[in-house]
Amino acid sequence: MFLRESEGVYQFGQKRVHVKVEKGNQIYCRVGGGYMHIDEFIKSYTNTEVEKIERRDVLERFQNKAAISSITTQQSLNTWEDKEDQRAFSPCRSLRVGSPNRSVSGSKATSPRRK
C-alpha cells in the first residue's frame, strides 16, 4: 500500500507520508508535528484510507454510469430527430410552402375590406 514518490516520501492510500529510518532500522512516519512508529501508523490509518479508496471507487462508478446515461440519452434524441427529419420529407406529407396570408414575395396579401 506504500508507493514511493521520492526519497523519504511515500503515498499511503490517498495520504502522502514522510518516512525516516532511525538507529536500529526503526521506521517512523511523520504525523502532525512529530513521528509515529510504522506499526502504529498502519493500525491507525489503514481503515480510513481503505474507506476513502472504496468511496472514490463508488463515486467513479456513479460518474461513469451518469456519463453513459447521458451519452445514451443523447443518442436516443439524435435517433428521434433523424426519424422526425425522415417524416418531414416523406412523400405522404406535403411540405408547407407558405402561409395563406402571405404572397410569394413575402409582402402581405391584400384582402378585400368590409365596410
N, C-alpha and C. Protein backbone atom coordinates (compact mmCIF):
# COMPACT_ATOMS: atom_id res chain seq x y z
N MET A 1 0.81 -1.18 0.00
CA MET A 1 0.00 0.00 0.00
C MET A 1 0.86 1.26 0.00
N PHE A 2 2.14 1.15 0.29
CA PHE A 2 3.06 2.29 0.23
C PHE A 2 3.67 2.35 -1.17
N LEU A 3 3.53 3.48 -1.84
CA LEU A 3 4.15 3.68 -3.14
C LEU A 3 5.16 4.82 -3.01
N ARG A 4 6.36 4.57 -3.44
CA ARG A 4 7.42 5.57 -3.29
C ARG A 4 7.26 6.68 -4.32
N GLU A 5 7.25 7.92 -3.85
CA GLU A 5 7.22 9.08 -4.74
C GLU A 5 8.63 9.64 -4.93
N SER A 6 9.36 9.78 -3.83
CA SER A 6 10.75 10.24 -3.87
C SER A 6 11.42 9.75 -2.59
N GLU A 7 12.67 10.13 -2.39
CA GLU A 7 13.38 9.66 -1.21
C GLU A 7 12.70 10.15 0.07
N GLY A 8 12.23 9.20 0.87
CA GLY A 8 11.58 9.54 2.13
C GLY A 8 10.13 9.95 2.03
N VAL A 9 9.57 9.95 0.83
CA VAL A 9 8.17 10.35 0.63
C VAL A 9 7.43 9.21 -0.05
N TYR A 10 6.33 8.79 0.57
CA TYR A 10 5.55 7.66 0.06
C TYR A 10 4.07 8.04 0.01
N GLN A 11 3.36 7.36 -0.86
CA GLN A 11 1.91 7.51 -0.94
C GLN A 11 1.29 6.31 -0.24
N PHE A 12 0.47 6.59 0.78
CA PHE A 12 -0.22 5.53 1.52
C PHE A 12 -1.70 5.77 1.32
N GLY A 13 -2.31 5.03 0.39
CA GLY A 13 -3.70 5.31 0.03
C GLY A 13 -3.74 6.65 -0.67
N GLN A 14 -4.48 7.59 -0.10
CA GLN A 14 -4.53 8.94 -0.66
C GLN A 14 -3.68 9.92 0.15
N LYS A 15 -2.98 9.42 1.13
CA LYS A 15 -2.19 10.25 2.05
C LYS A 15 -0.71 10.21 1.65
N ARG A 16 -0.09 11.39 1.61
CA ARG A 16 1.35 11.47 1.38
C ARG A 16 2.04 11.41 2.74
N VAL A 17 3.03 10.52 2.84
CA VAL A 17 3.67 10.25 4.13
C VAL A 17 5.18 10.47 3.99
N HIS A 18 5.75 11.19 4.95
CA HIS A 18 7.20 11.35 5.02
C HIS A 18 7.71 10.28 5.99
N VAL A 19 8.67 9.50 5.54
CA VAL A 19 9.17 8.37 6.31
C VAL A 19 10.66 8.57 6.59
N LYS A 20 11.08 8.17 7.80
CA LYS A 20 12.52 8.21 8.11
C LYS A 20 12.91 6.91 8.81
N VAL A 21 14.15 6.52 8.62
CA VAL A 21 14.71 5.32 9.26
C VAL A 21 15.71 5.79 10.30
N GLU A 22 15.52 5.34 11.53
CA GLU A 22 16.42 5.74 12.63
C GLU A 22 17.33 4.58 13.02
N LYS A 23 18.09 4.79 14.06
CA LYS A 23 19.02 3.77 14.55
C LYS A 23 18.29 2.44 14.77
N GLY A 24 18.96 1.38 14.47
CA GLY A 24 18.38 0.06 14.67
C GLY A 24 17.32 -0.28 13.64
N ASN A 25 17.35 0.42 12.49
CA ASN A 25 16.39 0.20 11.40
C ASN A 25 14.93 0.36 11.85
N GLN A 26 14.67 1.30 12.72
CA GLN A 26 13.30 1.62 13.12
C GLN A 26 12.72 2.61 12.12
N ILE A 27 11.52 2.31 11.61
CA ILE A 27 10.88 3.16 10.60
C ILE A 27 9.80 3.99 11.27
N TYR A 28 9.84 5.31 11.00
CA TYR A 28 8.88 6.24 11.56
C TYR A 28 8.21 7.04 10.45
N CYS A 29 6.93 7.36 10.66
CA CYS A 29 6.16 8.16 9.71
C CYS A 29 5.83 9.50 10.35
N ARG A 30 5.95 10.56 9.58
CA ARG A 30 5.65 11.90 10.09
C ARG A 30 4.15 12.08 10.19
N VAL A 31 3.70 12.43 11.38
CA VAL A 31 2.29 12.67 11.63
C VAL A 31 2.18 13.95 12.45
N GLY A 32 1.47 14.94 11.90
CA GLY A 32 1.35 16.20 12.63
C GLY A 32 2.71 16.84 12.82
N GLY A 33 3.06 17.15 14.08
CA GLY A 33 4.34 17.78 14.38
C GLY A 33 5.40 16.79 14.83
N GLY A 34 5.08 15.49 14.82
CA GLY A 34 6.04 14.51 15.30
C GLY A 34 6.08 13.28 14.42
N TYR A 35 6.60 12.20 14.97
CA TYR A 35 6.72 10.94 14.23
C TYR A 35 6.03 9.82 14.99
N MET A 36 5.52 8.85 14.24
CA MET A 36 4.83 7.69 14.80
C MET A 36 5.50 6.44 14.23
N HIS A 37 5.66 5.43 15.04
CA HIS A 37 6.25 4.17 14.56
C HIS A 37 5.34 3.62 13.47
N ILE A 38 5.96 2.97 12.49
CA ILE A 38 5.20 2.50 11.32
C ILE A 38 4.09 1.52 11.71
N ASP A 39 4.30 0.68 12.71
CA ASP A 39 3.25 -0.25 13.14
C ASP A 39 2.02 0.50 13.63
N GLU A 40 2.23 1.53 14.46
CA GLU A 40 1.11 2.33 14.96
C GLU A 40 0.44 3.07 13.81
N PHE A 41 1.25 3.60 12.90
CA PHE A 41 0.71 4.34 11.75
C PHE A 41 -0.21 3.46 10.92
N ILE A 42 0.24 2.25 10.63
CA ILE A 42 -0.56 1.33 9.81
C ILE A 42 -1.86 0.97 10.52
N LYS A 43 -1.79 0.70 11.82
CA LYS A 43 -3.01 0.38 12.59
C LYS A 43 -3.98 1.56 12.60
N SER A 44 -3.45 2.76 12.71
CA SER A 44 -4.30 3.95 12.82
C SER A 44 -4.93 4.38 11.50
N TYR A 45 -4.19 4.27 10.41
CA TYR A 45 -4.64 4.89 9.16
C TYR A 45 -5.12 3.92 8.08
N THR A 46 -4.92 2.62 8.24
CA THR A 46 -5.31 1.69 7.18
C THR A 46 -6.81 1.72 6.93
N ASN A 47 -7.62 1.63 7.97
CA ASN A 47 -9.08 1.59 7.77
C ASN A 47 -9.60 2.84 7.08
N THR A 48 -9.13 4.02 7.52
CA THR A 48 -9.63 5.25 6.90
C THR A 48 -9.20 5.36 5.44
N GLU A 49 -7.99 4.94 5.13
CA GLU A 49 -7.53 5.01 3.74
C GLU A 49 -8.27 4.02 2.85
N VAL A 50 -8.56 2.84 3.38
CA VAL A 50 -9.33 1.85 2.61
C VAL A 50 -10.73 2.39 2.35
N GLU A 51 -11.36 3.02 3.35
CA GLU A 51 -12.69 3.61 3.17
C GLU A 51 -12.67 4.70 2.11
N LYS A 52 -11.63 5.54 2.10
CA LYS A 52 -11.52 6.59 1.09
C LYS A 52 -11.44 6.00 -0.30
N ILE A 53 -10.64 4.94 -0.44
CA ILE A 53 -10.49 4.29 -1.75
C ILE A 53 -11.81 3.69 -2.20
N GLU A 54 -12.53 3.04 -1.28
CA GLU A 54 -13.82 2.44 -1.63
C GLU A 54 -14.82 3.51 -2.03
N ARG A 55 -14.86 4.63 -1.28
CA ARG A 55 -15.77 5.73 -1.62
C ARG A 55 -15.44 6.29 -2.99
N ARG A 56 -14.14 6.48 -3.25
CA ARG A 56 -13.73 7.02 -4.55
C ARG A 56 -14.15 6.07 -5.66
N ASP A 57 -14.01 4.76 -5.42
CA ASP A 57 -14.39 3.77 -6.41
C ASP A 57 -15.89 3.85 -6.70
N VAL A 58 -16.70 4.01 -5.66
CA VAL A 58 -18.16 4.12 -5.83
C VAL A 58 -18.49 5.39 -6.61
N LEU A 59 -17.83 6.50 -6.27
CA LEU A 59 -18.08 7.76 -6.99
C LEU A 59 -17.70 7.64 -8.46
N GLU A 60 -16.58 6.98 -8.74
CA GLU A 60 -16.17 6.80 -10.13
C GLU A 60 -17.19 5.96 -10.89
N ARG A 61 -17.69 4.91 -10.25
CA ARG A 61 -18.70 4.08 -10.90
C ARG A 61 -19.96 4.89 -11.18
N PHE A 62 -20.38 5.69 -10.20
CA PHE A 62 -21.58 6.51 -10.36
C PHE A 62 -21.38 7.51 -11.50
N GLN A 63 -20.20 8.16 -11.54
CA GLN A 63 -19.92 9.12 -12.59
C GLN A 63 -19.89 8.45 -13.95
N ASN A 64 -19.33 7.24 -14.01
CA ASN A 64 -19.31 6.50 -15.27
C ASN A 64 -20.73 6.17 -15.72
N LYS A 65 -21.58 5.73 -14.77
CA LYS A 65 -22.97 5.43 -15.13
C LYS A 65 -23.69 6.68 -15.60
N ALA A 66 -23.45 7.82 -14.94
CA ALA A 66 -24.09 9.06 -15.33
C ALA A 66 -23.63 9.47 -16.73
N ALA A 67 -22.35 9.30 -17.02
CA ALA A 67 -21.82 9.65 -18.34
C ALA A 67 -22.42 8.75 -19.41
N ILE A 68 -22.50 7.46 -19.12
CA ILE A 68 -23.09 6.52 -20.08
C ILE A 68 -24.56 6.84 -20.31
N SER A 69 -25.26 7.17 -19.23
CA SER A 69 -26.68 7.53 -19.35
C SER A 69 -26.84 8.77 -20.20
N SER A 70 -25.98 9.75 -20.01
CA SER A 70 -26.04 10.98 -20.78
C SER A 70 -25.79 10.69 -22.26
N ILE A 71 -24.80 9.86 -22.55
CA ILE A 71 -24.49 9.51 -23.94
C ILE A 71 -25.66 8.77 -24.56
N THR A 72 -26.25 7.82 -23.82
CA THR A 72 -27.37 7.05 -24.33
C THR A 72 -28.56 7.95 -24.60
N THR A 73 -28.83 8.88 -23.68
CA THR A 73 -29.94 9.81 -23.87
C THR A 73 -29.72 10.66 -25.10
N GLN A 74 -28.50 11.16 -25.29
CA GLN A 74 -28.19 11.99 -26.45
C GLN A 74 -28.34 11.18 -27.74
N GLN A 75 -27.90 9.92 -27.72
CA GLN A 75 -28.05 9.08 -28.91
C GLN A 75 -29.52 8.84 -29.21
N SER A 76 -30.33 8.66 -28.16
CA SER A 76 -31.76 8.45 -28.36
C SER A 76 -32.39 9.69 -28.98
N LEU A 77 -32.00 10.86 -28.49
CA LEU A 77 -32.53 12.10 -29.03
C LEU A 77 -32.13 12.26 -30.49
N ASN A 78 -30.88 11.95 -30.80
CA ASN A 78 -30.42 12.05 -32.19
C ASN A 78 -31.20 11.10 -33.09
N THR A 79 -31.45 9.90 -32.62
CA THR A 79 -32.22 8.93 -33.40
C THR A 79 -33.63 9.44 -33.63
N TRP A 80 -34.25 10.00 -32.58
CA TRP A 80 -35.60 10.53 -32.69
C TRP A 80 -35.64 11.69 -33.68
N GLU A 81 -34.64 12.59 -33.62
CA GLU A 81 -34.58 13.72 -34.54
C GLU A 81 -34.40 13.24 -35.97
N ASP A 82 -33.59 12.20 -36.17
CA ASP A 82 -33.40 11.66 -37.51
C ASP A 82 -34.72 11.12 -38.06
N LYS A 83 -35.49 10.45 -37.21
CA LYS A 83 -36.78 9.92 -37.65
C LYS A 83 -37.73 11.05 -37.99
N GLU A 84 -37.72 12.12 -37.19
CA GLU A 84 -38.56 13.29 -37.47
C GLU A 84 -38.17 13.91 -38.80
N ASP A 85 -36.88 14.01 -39.08
CA ASP A 85 -36.43 14.56 -40.35
C ASP A 85 -36.90 13.68 -41.51
N GLN A 86 -36.85 12.38 -41.35
CA GLN A 86 -37.30 11.47 -42.40
C GLN A 86 -38.80 11.64 -42.64
N ARG A 87 -39.58 11.83 -41.57
CA ARG A 87 -41.03 12.02 -41.72
C ARG A 87 -41.34 13.34 -42.42
N ALA A 88 -40.55 14.37 -42.18
CA ALA A 88 -40.81 15.68 -42.77
C ALA A 88 -40.67 15.64 -44.29
N PHE A 89 -39.81 14.77 -44.79
CA PHE A 89 -39.61 14.70 -46.23
C PHE A 89 -40.24 13.46 -46.84
N SER A 90 -41.16 12.84 -46.13
CA SER A 90 -41.80 11.65 -46.69
C SER A 90 -42.80 12.07 -47.75
N PRO A 91 -43.05 11.24 -48.74
CA PRO A 91 -43.98 11.60 -49.81
C PRO A 91 -45.43 11.69 -49.31
N CYS A 92 -45.72 11.17 -48.15
CA CYS A 92 -47.08 11.20 -47.63
C CYS A 92 -47.44 12.56 -47.04
N ARG A 93 -46.46 13.37 -46.75
CA ARG A 93 -46.71 14.70 -46.19
C ARG A 93 -46.38 15.75 -47.21
N SER A 94 -47.24 16.72 -47.29
CA SER A 94 -46.93 17.82 -48.19
C SER A 94 -46.11 18.85 -47.43
N LEU A 95 -45.16 19.44 -48.11
CA LEU A 95 -44.36 20.47 -47.48
C LEU A 95 -45.15 21.76 -47.48
N ARG A 96 -45.04 22.50 -46.41
CA ARG A 96 -45.74 23.76 -46.29
C ARG A 96 -44.92 24.83 -46.99
N VAL A 97 -45.45 25.38 -48.05
CA VAL A 97 -44.72 26.34 -48.85
C VAL A 97 -44.82 27.73 -48.25
N GLY A 98 -45.97 28.15 -47.88
CA GLY A 98 -46.14 29.49 -47.35
C GLY A 98 -47.48 29.60 -46.65
N SER A 99 -47.64 30.67 -45.95
CA SER A 99 -48.87 30.89 -45.22
C SER A 99 -49.91 31.47 -46.17
N PRO A 100 -51.19 31.22 -45.93
CA PRO A 100 -52.21 31.74 -46.85
C PRO A 100 -52.31 33.26 -46.79
N ASN A 101 -51.83 33.90 -45.75
CA ASN A 101 -51.90 35.35 -45.63
C ASN A 101 -50.70 36.05 -46.26
N ARG A 102 -49.79 35.32 -46.80
CA ARG A 102 -48.58 35.91 -47.39
C ARG A 102 -48.51 35.56 -48.87
N SER A 103 -48.06 36.50 -49.63
CA SER A 103 -47.85 36.21 -51.04
C SER A 103 -46.47 35.60 -51.20
N VAL A 104 -46.13 35.22 -52.40
CA VAL A 104 -44.85 34.58 -52.66
C VAL A 104 -43.70 35.53 -52.38
N SER A 105 -43.88 36.81 -52.63
CA SER A 105 -42.79 37.78 -52.44
C SER A 105 -42.54 38.07 -50.97
N GLY A 106 -43.44 37.70 -50.10
CA GLY A 106 -43.23 37.93 -48.68
C GLY A 106 -44.03 39.10 -48.14
N SER A 107 -44.60 39.94 -49.04
CA SER A 107 -45.41 41.05 -48.55
C SER A 107 -46.80 40.54 -48.24
N LYS A 108 -47.54 41.28 -47.43
CA LYS A 108 -48.88 40.82 -47.03
C LYS A 108 -49.80 40.89 -48.23
N ALA A 109 -50.57 39.87 -48.40
CA ALA A 109 -51.56 39.86 -49.48
C ALA A 109 -52.69 40.78 -49.07
N THR A 110 -53.23 41.46 -50.05
CA THR A 110 -54.34 42.36 -49.74
C THR A 110 -55.63 41.58 -49.80
N SER A 111 -56.45 41.80 -48.81
CA SER A 111 -57.75 41.15 -48.82
C SER A 111 -58.81 42.23 -48.87
N PRO A 112 -59.93 41.92 -49.45
CA PRO A 112 -60.96 42.95 -49.58
C PRO A 112 -61.44 43.39 -48.20
N ARG A 113 -61.57 44.70 -48.01
CA ARG A 113 -62.04 45.23 -46.74
C ARG A 113 -63.54 45.31 -46.71
N ARG A 114 -64.07 45.04 -45.58
CA ARG A 114 -65.53 45.14 -45.42
C ARG A 114 -65.86 46.51 -44.84
N LYS A 115 -66.98 47.03 -45.26
CA LYS A 115 -67.41 48.33 -44.76
C LYS A 115 -68.48 48.18 -43.72
